[in-house]
Protein backbone atom coordinates (compact mmCIF):
# COMPACT_ATOMS: atom_id res chain seq x y z
CA MET A 1 26.19 101.60 -12.34
CA SER A 2 24.49 103.13 -15.38
CA GLU A 3 27.86 104.43 -16.66
CA LEU A 4 29.33 100.93 -16.44
CA ILE A 5 26.36 99.48 -18.34
CA PHE A 6 26.57 102.21 -20.99
CA GLU A 7 30.31 101.57 -21.43
CA LYS A 8 29.70 97.84 -21.82
CA ILE A 9 26.99 98.48 -24.43
CA ALA A 10 29.29 100.83 -26.35
CA THR A 11 32.13 98.30 -26.23
CA ILE A 12 29.93 95.45 -27.48
CA LEU A 13 28.52 97.57 -30.31
CA SER A 14 31.98 98.73 -31.25
CA THR A 15 33.61 95.30 -31.27
CA LYS A 16 30.76 93.17 -32.62
CA LYS A 17 29.03 95.61 -34.99
CA GLY A 18 31.94 97.88 -35.94
CA ILE A 19 30.17 101.03 -34.76
CA ASP A 20 32.47 103.91 -33.85
CA LYS A 21 32.36 104.12 -30.05
CA GLU A 22 32.38 107.93 -30.16
CA SER A 23 29.14 107.94 -32.16
CA ILE A 24 27.26 105.89 -29.55
CA LEU A 25 25.28 108.18 -27.27
CA ILE A 26 22.99 107.32 -24.38
CA GLU A 27 20.07 108.82 -26.31
CA SER A 28 20.83 106.89 -29.52
CA SER A 29 18.14 104.58 -30.79
CA PHE A 30 19.11 101.22 -32.21
CA GLU A 31 17.78 102.48 -35.54
CA ASP A 32 20.07 105.55 -35.34
CA LEU A 33 23.00 103.16 -34.99
CA GLY A 34 21.92 101.06 -37.98
CA LEU A 35 20.80 98.08 -35.93
CA ASP A 36 17.89 95.93 -37.01
CA SER A 37 15.68 93.92 -34.67
CA LEU A 38 17.97 90.87 -34.81
CA ASP A 39 20.98 93.03 -33.91
CA ALA A 40 19.04 94.43 -30.94
CA VAL A 41 18.13 90.94 -29.72
CA GLU A 42 21.76 89.82 -30.03
CA LEU A 43 22.93 92.90 -28.12
CA ILE A 44 20.51 92.32 -25.27
CA SER A 45 21.48 88.63 -25.17
CA ASP A 46 25.16 89.59 -24.94
CA LEU A 47 24.37 92.03 -22.14
CA GLU A 48 22.31 89.47 -20.24
CA ASP A 49 25.28 87.09 -20.44
CA GLU A 50 27.74 89.82 -19.42
CA PHE A 51 25.75 90.85 -16.34
CA ASN A 52 24.33 87.35 -15.60
CA VAL A 53 20.71 88.54 -15.63
CA THR A 54 17.55 87.91 -17.61
CA ILE A 55 15.31 90.64 -18.94
CA PRO A 56 11.68 89.47 -19.28
CA ASN A 57 10.49 89.06 -22.88
CA MET A 58 7.74 91.66 -22.41
CA GLU A 59 10.37 94.25 -21.48
CA LEU A 60 12.70 93.21 -24.30
CA GLN A 61 10.13 94.21 -26.89
CA SER A 62 10.07 97.79 -25.62
CA ILE A 63 13.86 98.33 -25.66
CA LYS A 64 14.59 100.52 -28.67
CA THR A 65 17.29 102.89 -27.36
CA ILE A 66 20.56 102.70 -25.48
CA GLN A 67 18.91 104.46 -22.51
CA GLN A 68 16.13 101.86 -22.41
CA ALA A 69 18.73 99.07 -22.52
CA VAL A 70 20.62 100.65 -19.62
CA ASP A 71 17.39 101.08 -17.64
CA GLY A 72 16.29 97.49 -18.33
CA LEU A 73 19.63 96.10 -17.24
CA GLN A 74 19.68 98.22 -14.09
CA LYS A 75 16.22 96.94 -13.21
CA ALA A 76 17.28 93.34 -13.87
CA ILE A 77 20.43 93.76 -11.78
CA GLY A 78 18.38 95.35 -9.02
CA SER A 79 20.36 98.54 -8.60
């Protein structure tokens, strides 16, 4: 499941933010990818819509990397 989530994140970042998909790594931070806090919130919102889940606000504040986003989504999905 984590590979599917990572692929979806990479696709969203590529299509909506114009980031080269090959440069998006699981260990990348949002800062590494040139995303500001608003971009990060928009990304997480898009992912919540895509996977039909909600990540609690307290957890959202700690998501700063692609890995953390994958982990947060996996937890929300329950897998």
